[in-house]
Amino acid sequence: EAVLNQPAAGLPFGTLKRVELARAMASQPKLLLLD
């Protein structure tokens, strides 16, 4: 929530990993492939 309105550029790597996870989960997948 604290970074919702910030651009992705410049945010810590661990935070960006969670953003990518949120985006993948946003499609409501039955199967999630984590690479």
PDB file of all heavy atoms in Angstrom:
ATOM      1  N   GLU A   1       0.821  -1.222   0.000  1.00  0.00           N
ATOM      2  CA  GLU A   1       0.000   0.000   0.000  1.00  0.00           C
ATOM      3  C   GLU A   1       0.851   1.267   0.000  1.00  0.00           C
ATOM      4  O   GLU A   1       0.496   2.247  -0.657  1.00  0.00           O
ATOM      5  CB  GLU A   1      -0.938   0.065   1.219  1.00  0.00           C
ATOM      6  CG  GLU A   1      -1.935  -1.071   1.304  1.00  0.00           C
ATOM      7  CD  GLU A   1      -1.603  -1.995   2.452  1.00  0.00           C
ATOM      8  OE1 GLU A   1      -0.420  -2.406   2.579  1.00  0.00           O
ATOM      9  OE2 GLU A   1      -2.514  -2.308   3.216  1.00  0.00           O
ATOM     10  N   ALA A   2       1.957   1.269   0.712  1.00  0.00           N
ATOM     11  CA  ALA A   2       2.773   2.477   0.868  1.00  0.00           C
ATOM     12  C   ALA A   2       3.400   2.941  -0.449  1.00  0.00           C
ATOM     13  O   ALA A   2       3.772   4.119  -0.581  1.00  0.00           O
ATOM     14  CB  ALA A   2       3.862   2.239   1.901  1.00  0.00           C
ATOM     15  N   VAL A   3       3.534   2.025  -1.421  1.00  0.00           N
ATOM     16  CA  VAL A   3       4.208   2.393  -2.678  1.00  0.00           C
ATOM     17  C   VAL A   3       3.260   2.369  -3.881  1.00  0.00           C
ATOM     18  O   VAL A   3       3.700   2.504  -5.018  1.00  0.00           O
ATOM     19  CB  VAL A   3       5.420   1.455  -2.964  1.00  0.00           C
ATOM     20  CG1 VAL A   3       6.481   1.625  -1.896  1.00  0.00           C
ATOM     21  CG2 VAL A   3       4.990  -0.014  -3.075  1.00  0.00           C
ATOM     22  N   LEU A   4       1.950   2.236  -3.624  1.00  0.00           N
ATOM     23  CA  LEU A   4       0.987   2.054  -4.717  1.00  0.00           C
ATOM     24  C   LEU A   4       1.065   3.104  -5.808  1.00  0.00           C
ATOM     25  O   LEU A   4       0.907   2.787  -6.986  1.00  0.00           O
ATOM     26  CB  LEU A   4      -0.443   2.038  -4.155  1.00  0.00           C
ATOM     27  CG  LEU A   4      -1.071   0.669  -3.899  1.00  0.00           C
ATOM     28  CD1 LEU A   4      -2.532   0.835  -3.537  1.00  0.00           C
ATOM     29  CD2 LEU A   4      -0.926  -0.241  -5.111  1.00  0.00           C
ATOM     30  N   ASN A   5       1.299   4.349  -5.427  1.00  0.00           N
ATOM     31  CA  ASN A   5       1.294   5.421  -6.422  1.00  0.00           C
ATOM     32  C   ASN A   5       2.679   5.786  -6.933  1.00  0.00           C
ATOM     33  O   ASN A   5       2.830   6.702  -7.732  1.00  0.00           O
ATOM     34  CB  ASN A   5       0.596   6.659  -5.839  1.00  0.00           C
ATOM     35  CG  ASN A   5      -0.862   6.361  -5.514  1.00  0.00           C
ATOM     36  OD1 ASN A   5      -1.575   5.782  -6.333  1.00  0.00           O
ATOM     37  ND2 ASN A   5      -1.296   6.719  -4.313  1.00  0.00           N
ATOM     38  N   GLN A   6       3.686   5.055  -6.472  1.00  0.00           N
ATOM     39  CA  GLN A   6       5.053   5.318  -6.945  1.00  0.00           C
ATOM     40  C   GLN A   6       5.335   4.531  -8.222  1.00  0.00           C
ATOM     41  O   GLN A   6       4.785   3.438  -8.417  1.00  0.00           O
ATOM     42  CB  GLN A   6       6.062   4.898  -5.871  1.00  0.00           C
ATOM     43  CG  GLN A   6       6.008   5.747  -4.609  1.00  0.00           C
ATOM     44  CD  GLN A   6       7.108   5.358  -3.643  1.00  0.00           C
ATOM     45  OE1 GLN A   6       8.217   5.012  -4.052  1.00  0.00           O
ATOM     46  NE2 GLN A   6       6.810   5.404  -2.351  1.00  0.00           N
ATOM     47  N   PRO A   7       6.201   5.070  -9.091  1.00  0.00           N
ATOM     48  CA  PRO A   7       6.599   4.276 -10.269  1.00  0.00           C
ATOM     49  C   PRO A   7       7.491   3.112  -9.835  1.00  0.00           C
ATOM     50  O   PRO A   7       8.116   3.152  -8.770  1.00  0.00           O
ATOM     51  CB  PRO A   7       7.376   5.282 -11.123  1.00  0.00           C
ATOM     52  CG  PRO A   7       7.843   6.326 -10.169  1.00  0.00           C
ATOM     53  CD  PRO A   7       6.834   6.395  -9.066  1.00  0.00           C
ATOM     54  N   ALA A   8       7.531   2.077 -10.660  1.00  0.00           N
ATOM     55  CA  ALA A   8       8.347   0.904 -10.334  1.00  0.00           C
ATOM     56  C   ALA A   8       9.840   1.252 -10.283  1.00  0.00           C
ATOM     57  O   ALA A   8      10.585   0.695  -9.471  1.00  0.00           O
ATOM     58  CB  ALA A   8       8.100  -0.197 -11.359  1.00  0.00           C
ATOM     59  N   ALA A   9      10.254   2.165 -11.159  1.00  0.00           N
ATOM     60  CA  ALA A   9      11.683   2.533 -11.220  1.00  0.00           C
ATOM     61  C   ALA A   9      12.166   3.032  -9.867  1.00  0.00           C
ATOM     62  O   ALA A   9      11.542   3.885  -9.246  1.00  0.00           O
ATOM     63  CB  ALA A   9      11.890   3.604 -12.282  1.00  0.00           C
ATOM     64  N   GLY A  10      13.287   2.466  -9.413  1.00  0.00           N
ATOM     65  CA  GLY A  10      13.913   2.956  -8.195  1.00  0.00           C
ATOM     66  C   GLY A  10      13.488   2.252  -6.915  1.00  0.00           C
ATOM     67  O   GLY A  10      14.083   2.474  -5.862  1.00  0.00           O
ATOM     68  N   LEU A  11      12.461   1.424  -6.975  1.00  0.00           N
ATOM     69  CA  LEU A  11      12.033   0.724  -5.760  1.00  0.00           C
ATOM     70  C   LEU A  11      12.946  -0.476  -5.494  1.00  0.00           C
ATOM     71  O   LEU A  11      13.546  -1.030  -6.423  1.00  0.00           O
ATOM     72  CB  LEU A  11      10.578   0.256  -5.906  1.00  0.00           C
ATOM     73  CG  LEU A  11       9.517   1.357  -5.818  1.00  0.00           C
ATOM     74  CD1 LEU A  11       8.145   0.799  -6.134  1.00  0.00           C
ATOM     75  CD2 LEU A  11       9.524   2.020  -4.447  1.00  0.00           C
ATOM     76  N   PRO A  12      13.064  -0.909  -4.226  1.00  0.00           N
ATOM     77  CA  PRO A  12      13.938  -2.042  -3.907  1.00  0.00           C
ATOM     78  C   PRO A  12      13.529  -3.313  -4.649  1.00  0.00           C
ATOM     79  O   PRO A  12      12.342  -3.541  -4.927  1.00  0.00           O
ATOM     80  CB  PRO A  12      13.750  -2.221  -2.386  1.00  0.00           C
ATOM     81  CG  PRO A  12      13.223  -0.919  -1.903  1.00  0.00           C
ATOM     82  CD  PRO A  12      12.430  -0.336  -3.029  1.00  0.00           C
ATOM     83  N   PHE A  13      14.537  -4.141  -4.933  1.00  0.00           N
ATOM     84  CA  PHE A  13      14.316  -5.361  -5.723  1.00  0.00           C
ATOM     85  C   PHE A  13      13.277  -6.277  -5.059  1.00  0.00           C
ATOM     86  O   PHE A  13      12.395  -6.819  -5.729  1.00  0.00           O
ATOM     87  CB  PHE A  13      15.652  -6.094  -5.881  1.00  0.00           C
ATOM     88  CG  PHE A  13      15.589  -7.268  -6.820  1.00  0.00           C
ATOM     89  CD1 PHE A  13      15.456  -7.084  -8.188  1.00  0.00           C
ATOM     90  CD2 PHE A  13      15.653  -8.566  -6.331  1.00  0.00           C
ATOM     91  CE1 PHE A  13      15.398  -8.161  -9.056  1.00  0.00           C
ATOM     92  CE2 PHE A  13      15.602  -9.651  -7.192  1.00  0.00           C
ATOM     93  CZ  PHE A  13      15.466  -9.443  -8.551  1.00  0.00           C
ATOM     94  N   GLY A  14      13.377  -6.446  -3.746  1.00  0.00           N
ATOM     95  CA  GLY A  14      12.432  -7.324  -3.042  1.00  0.00           C
ATOM     96  C   GLY A  14      11.002  -6.839  -3.173  1.00  0.00           C
ATOM     97  O   GLY A  14      10.068  -7.643  -3.313  1.00  0.00           O
ATOM     98  N   THR A  15      10.816  -5.517  -3.152  1.00  0.00           N
ATOM     99  CA  THR A  15       9.479  -4.929  -3.326  1.00  0.00           C
ATOM    100  C   THR A  15       8.958  -5.214  -4.732  1.00  0.00           C
ATOM    101  O   THR A  15       7.798  -5.600  -4.914  1.00  0.00           O
ATOM    102  CB  THR A  15       9.533  -3.397  -3.096  1.00  0.00           C
ATOM    103  OG1 THR A  15      10.025  -3.152  -1.781  1.00  0.00           O
ATOM    104  CG2 THR A  15       8.164  -2.757  -3.259  1.00  0.00           C
ATOM    105  N   LEU A  16       9.833  -5.049  -5.728  1.00  0.00           N
ATOM    106  CA  LEU A  16       9.426  -5.275  -7.122  1.00  0.00           C
ATOM    107  C   LEU A  16       9.062  -6.736  -7.370  1.00  0.00           C
ATOM    108  O   LEU A  16       8.172  -7.032  -8.168  1.00  0.00           O
ATOM    109  CB  LEU A  16      10.538  -4.831  -8.077  1.00  0.00           C
ATOM    110  CG  LEU A  16      10.844  -3.331  -8.058  1.00  0.00           C
ATOM    111  CD1 LEU A  16      12.007  -3.008  -8.984  1.00  0.00           C
ATOM    112  CD2 LEU A  16       9.614  -2.502  -8.440  1.00  0.00           C
ATOM    113  N   LYS A  17       9.725  -7.646  -6.670  1.00  0.00           N
ATOM    114  CA  LYS A  17       9.372  -9.074  -6.780  1.00  0.00           C
ATOM    115  C   LYS A  17       7.930  -9.291  -6.300  1.00  0.00           C
ATOM    116  O   LYS A  17       7.177 -10.069  -6.886  1.00  0.00           O
ATOM    117  CB  LYS A  17      10.330  -9.929  -5.938  1.00  0.00           C
ATOM    118  CG  LYS A  17      11.688 -10.142  -6.574  1.00  0.00           C
ATOM    119  CD  LYS A  17      11.712 -11.450  -7.340  1.00  0.00           C
ATOM    120  CE  LYS A  17      13.103 -11.801  -7.811  1.00  0.00           C
ATOM    121  NZ  LYS A  17      13.162 -13.113  -8.471  1.00  0.00           N
ATOM    122  N   ARG A  18       7.553  -8.580  -5.227  1.00  0.00           N
ATOM    123  CA  ARG A  18       6.178  -8.711  -4.715  1.00  0.00           C
ATOM    124  C   ARG A  18       5.173  -8.081  -5.674  1.00  0.00           C
ATOM    125  O   ARG A  18       4.054  -8.580  -5.829  1.00  0.00           O
ATOM    126  CB  ARG A  18       6.069  -8.076  -3.318  1.00  0.00           C
ATOM    127  CG  ARG A  18       6.538  -9.021  -2.223  1.00  0.00           C
ATOM    128  CD  ARG A  18       6.352  -8.440  -0.839  1.00  0.00           C
ATOM    129  NE  ARG A  18       7.335  -7.408  -0.558  1.00  0.00           N
ATOM    130  CZ  ARG A  18       7.081  -6.278   0.097  1.00  0.00           C
ATOM    131  NH1 ARG A  18       5.867  -6.018   0.534  1.00  0.00           N
ATOM    132  NH2 ARG A  18       8.038  -5.409   0.306  1.00  0.00           N
ATOM    133  N   VAL A  19       5.584  -6.988  -6.343  1.00  0.00           N
ATOM    134  CA  VAL A  19       4.709  -6.367  -7.343  1.00  0.00           C
ATOM    135  C   VAL A  19       4.446  -7.346  -8.480  1.00  0.00           C
ATOM    136  O   VAL A  19       3.310  -7.517  -8.932  1.00  0.00           O
ATOM    137  CB  VAL A  19       5.327  -5.063  -7.896  1.00  0.00           C
ATOM    138  CG1 VAL A  19       4.471  -4.489  -9.032  1.00  0.00           C
ATOM    139  CG2 VAL A  19       5.496  -4.035  -6.785  1.00  0.00           C
ATOM    140  N   GLU A  20       5.504  -8.010  -8.935  1.00  0.00           N
ATOM    141  CA  GLU A  20       5.326  -8.964 -10.034  1.00  0.00           C
ATOM    142  C   GLU A  20       4.427 -10.125  -9.601  1.00  0.00           C
ATOM    143  O   GLU A  20       3.604 -10.610 -10.377  1.00  0.00           O
ATOM    144  CB  GLU A  20       6.679  -9.486 -10.531  1.00  0.00           C
ATOM    145  CG  GLU A  20       6.505 -10.194 -11.862  1.00  0.00           C
ATOM    146  CD  GLU A  20       7.788 -10.757 -12.440  1.00  0.00           C
ATOM    147  OE1 GLU A  20       8.605 -11.271 -11.673  1.00  0.00           O
ATOM    148  OE2 GLU A  20       7.932 -10.693 -13.658  1.00  0.00           O
ATOM    149  N   LEU A  21       4.572 -10.554  -8.362  1.00  0.00           N
ATOM    150  CA  LEU A  21       3.723 -11.617  -7.818  1.00  0.00           C
ATOM    151  C   LEU A  21       2.267 -11.151  -7.772  1.00  0.00           C
ATOM    152  O   LEU A  21       1.350 -11.898  -8.150  1.00  0.00           O
ATOM    153  CB  LEU A  21       4.209 -11.989  -6.425  1.00  0.00           C
ATOM    154  CG  LEU A  21       3.736 -13.295  -5.806  1.00  0.00           C
ATOM    155  CD1 LEU A  21       3.951 -14.471  -6.739  1.00  0.00           C
ATOM    156  CD2 LEU A  21       4.445 -13.529  -4.484  1.00  0.00           C
ATOM    157  N   ALA A  22       2.046  -9.901  -7.339  1.00  0.00           N
ATOM    158  CA  ALA A  22       0.685  -9.347  -7.303  1.00  0.00           C
ATOM    159  C   ALA A  22       0.085  -9.294  -8.694  1.00  0.00           C
ATOM    160  O   ALA A  22      -1.086  -9.628  -8.895  1.00  0.00           O
ATOM    161  CB  ALA A  22       0.713  -7.937  -6.689  1.00  0.00           C
ATOM    162  N   ARG A  23       0.888  -8.884  -9.679  1.00  0.00           N
ATOM    163  CA  ARG A  23       0.377  -8.808 -11.055  1.00  0.00           C
ATOM    164  C   ARG A  23       0.006 -10.193 -11.583  1.00  0.00           C
ATOM    165  O   ARG A  23      -1.030 -10.363 -12.228  1.00  0.00           O
ATOM    166  CB  ARG A  23       1.425  -8.161 -11.972  1.00  0.00           C
ATOM    167  CG  ARG A  23       0.887  -7.947 -13.381  1.00  0.00           C
ATOM    168  CD  ARG A  23       1.861  -7.217 -14.266  1.00  0.00           C
ATOM    169  NE  ARG A  23       3.076  -7.986 -14.489  1.00  0.00           N
ATOM    170  CZ  ARG A  23       4.116  -7.543 -15.186  1.00  0.00           C
ATOM    171  NH1 ARG A  23       4.090  -6.324 -15.694  1.00  0.00           N
ATOM    172  NH2 ARG A  23       5.177  -8.285 -15.362  1.00  0.00           N
ATOM    173  N   ALA A  24       0.841 -11.195 -11.280  1.00  0.00           N
ATOM    174  CA  ALA A  24       0.538 -12.560 -11.720  1.00  0.00           C
ATOM    175  C   ALA A  24      -0.732 -13.075 -11.045  1.00  0.00           C
ATOM    176  O   ALA A  24      -1.559 -13.738 -11.672  1.00  0.00           O
ATOM    177  CB  ALA A  24       1.713 -13.482 -11.413  1.00  0.00           C
ATOM    178  N   MET A  25      -0.910 -12.759  -9.753  1.00  0.00           N
ATOM    179  CA  MET A  25      -2.094 -13.210  -9.030  1.00  0.00           C
ATOM    180  C   MET A  25      -3.351 -12.442  -9.449  1.00  0.00           C
ATOM    181  O   MET A  25      -4.466 -12.933  -9.282  1.00  0.00           O
ATOM    182  CB  MET A  25      -1.879 -13.045  -7.523  1.00  0.00           C
ATOM    183  CG  MET A  25      -0.905 -14.031  -6.915  1.00  0.00           C
ATOM    184  SD  MET A  25      -1.506 -15.743  -7.026  1.00  0.00           S
ATOM    185  CE  MET A  25      -2.841 -15.712  -5.822  1.00  0.00           C
ATOM    186  N   ALA A  26      -3.181 -11.244 -10.019  1.00  0.00           N
ATOM    187  CA  ALA A  26      -4.326 -10.424 -10.424  1.00  0.00           C
ATOM    188  C   ALA A  26      -5.146 -11.081 -11.534  1.00  0.00           C
ATOM    189  O   ALA A  26      -6.328 -10.783 -11.697  1.00  0.00           O
ATOM    190  CB  ALA A  26      -3.849  -9.041 -10.880  1.00  0.00           C
ATOM    191  N   SER A  27      -4.537 -11.973 -12.287  1.00  0.00           N
ATOM    192  CA  SER A  27      -5.270 -12.675 -13.350  1.00  0.00           C
ATOM    193  C   SER A  27      -6.071 -13.857 -12.808  1.00  0.00           C
ATOM    194  O   SER A  27      -6.699 -14.576 -13.568  1.00  0.00           O
ATOM    195  CB  SER A  27      -4.305 -13.151 -14.441  1.00  0.00           C
ATOM    196  OG  SER A  27      -3.443 -14.160 -13.925  1.00  0.00           O
ATOM    197  N   GLN A  28      -6.030 -14.025 -11.470  1.00  0.00           N
ATOM    198  CA  GLN A  28      -6.745 -15.120 -10.797  1.00  0.00           C
ATOM    199  C   GLN A  28      -6.389 -16.483 -11.409  1.00  0.00           C
ATOM    200  O   GLN A  28      -7.263 -17.229 -11.841  1.00  0.00           O
ATOM    201  CB  GLN A  28      -8.261 -14.884 -10.846  1.00  0.00           C
ATOM    202  CG  GLN A  28      -8.684 -13.607 -10.157  1.00  0.00           C
ATOM    203  CD  GLN A  28     -10.145 -13.257 -10.383  1.00  0.00           C
ATOM    204  OE1 GLN A  28     -10.859 -13.932 -11.111  1.00  0.00           O
ATOM    205  NE2 GLN A  28     -10.576 -12.183  -9.762  1.00  0.00           N
ATOM    206  N   PRO A  29      -5.101 -16.801 -11.443  1.00  0.00           N
ATOM    207  CA  PRO A  29      -4.695 -18.053 -12.093  1.00  0.00           C
ATOM    208  C   PRO A  29      -5.082 -19.286 -11.279  1.00  0.00           C
ATOM    209  O   PRO A  29      -5.112 -19.241 -10.049  1.00  0.00           O
ATOM    210  CB  PRO A  29      -3.170 -17.926 -12.165  1.00  0.00           C
ATOM    211  CG  PRO A  29      -2.819 -17.068 -10.986  1.00  0.00           C
ATOM    212  CD  PRO A  29      -3.955 -16.085 -10.865  1.00  0.00           C
ATOM    213  N   LYS A  30      -5.376 -20.362 -11.985  1.00  0.00           N
ATOM    214  CA  LYS A  30      -5.520 -21.670 -11.316  1.00  0.00           C
ATOM    215  C   LYS A  30      -4.133 -22.240 -11.050  1.00  0.00           C
ATOM    216  O   LYS A  30      -3.909 -22.934 -10.075  1.00  0.00           O
ATOM    217  CB  LYS A  30      -6.283 -22.646 -12.226  1.00  0.00           C
ATOM    218  CG  LYS A  30      -7.737 -22.323 -12.461  1.00  0.00           C
ATOM    219  CD  LYS A  30      -8.329 -23.397 -13.373  1.00  0.00           C
ATOM    220  CE  LYS A  30      -9.731 -23.034 -13.810  1.00  0.00           C
ATOM    221  NZ  LYS A  30     -10.250 -24.030 -14.779  1.00  0.00           N
ATOM    222  N   LEU A  31      -3.205 -21.947 -11.982  1.00  0.00           N
ATOM    223  CA  LEU A  31      -1.825 -22.421 -11.886  1.00  0.00           C
ATOM    224  C   LEU A  31      -0.887 -21.232 -11.990  1.00  0.00           C
ATOM    225  O   LEU A  31      -0.981 -20.440 -12.932  1.00  0.00           O
ATOM    226  CB  LEU A  31      -1.516 -23.408 -13.019  1.00  0.00           C
ATOM    227  CG  LEU A  31      -0.058 -23.886 -13.141  1.00  0.00           C
ATOM    228  CD1 LEU A  31       0.344 -24.746 -11.946  1.00  0.00           C
ATOM    229  CD2 LEU A  31       0.140 -24.669 -14.447  1.00  0.00           C
ATOM    230  N   LEU A  32       0.016 -21.110 -11.021  1.00  0.00           N
ATOM    231  CA  LEU A  32       0.999 -20.025 -11.029  1.00  0.00           C
ATOM    232  C   LEU A  32       2.385 -20.620 -11.238  1.00  0.00           C
ATOM    233  O   LEU A  32       2.828 -21.474 -10.467  1.00  0.00           O
ATOM    234  CB  LEU A  32       0.943 -19.260  -9.702  1.00  0.00           C
ATOM    235  CG  LEU A  32       1.891 -18.067  -9.558  1.00  0.00           C
ATOM    236  CD1 LEU A  32       1.611 -17.000 -10.624  1.00  0.00           C
ATOM    237  CD2 LEU A  32       1.761 -17.458  -8.158  1.00  0.00           C
ATOM    238  N   LEU A  33       3.067 -20.171 -12.295  1.00  0.00           N
ATOM    239  CA  LEU A  33       4.427 -20.607 -12.590  1.00  0.00           C
ATOM    240  C   LEU A  33       5.390 -19.581 -12.009  1.00  0.00           C
ATOM    241  O   LEU A  33       5.389 -18.422 -12.424  1.00  0.00           O
ATOM    242  CB  LEU A  33       4.638 -20.713 -14.114  1.00  0.00           C
ATOM    243  CG  LEU A  33       3.634 -21.556 -14.900  1.00  0.00           C
ATOM    244  CD1 LEU A  33       3.914 -21.454 -16.401  1.00  0.00           C
ATOM    245  CD2 LEU A  33       3.662 -23.013 -14.460  1.00  0.00           C
ATOM    246  N   LEU A  34       6.183 -19.994 -11.031  1.00  0.00           N
ATOM    247  CA  LEU A  34       7.140 -19.090 -10.388  1.00  0.00           C
ATOM    248  C   LEU A  34       8.548 -19.434 -10.864  1.00  0.00           C
ATOM    249  O   LEU A  34       9.056 -20.519 -10.590  1.00  0.00           O
ATOM    250  CB  LEU A  34       7.061 -19.212  -8.860  1.00  0.00           C
ATOM    251  CG  LEU A  34       5.745 -18.796  -8.198  1.00  0.00           C
ATOM    252  CD1 LEU A  34       5.832 -18.990  -6.688  1.00  0.00           C
ATOM    253  CD2 LEU A  34       5.401 -17.344  -8.520  1.00  0.00           C
ATOM    254  N   ASP A  35       9.165 -18.509 -11.585  1.00  0.00           N
ATOM    255  CA  ASP A  35      10.485 -18.738 -12.180  1.00  0.00           C
ATOM    256  C   ASP A  35      11.551 -18.044 -11.330  1.00  0.00           C
ATOM    257  O   ASP A  35      11.681 -16.821 -11.365  1.00  0.00           O
ATOM    258  CB  ASP A  35      10.496 -18.190 -13.616  1.00  0.00           C
ATOM    259  CG  ASP A  35      11.723 -18.624 -14.397  1.00  0.00           C
ATOM    260  OD1 ASP A  35      12.579 -19.325 -13.823  1.00  0.00           O
ATOM    261  OD2 ASP A  35      11.828 -18.262 -15.577  1.00  0.00           O
TER     262      ASP A  35
END
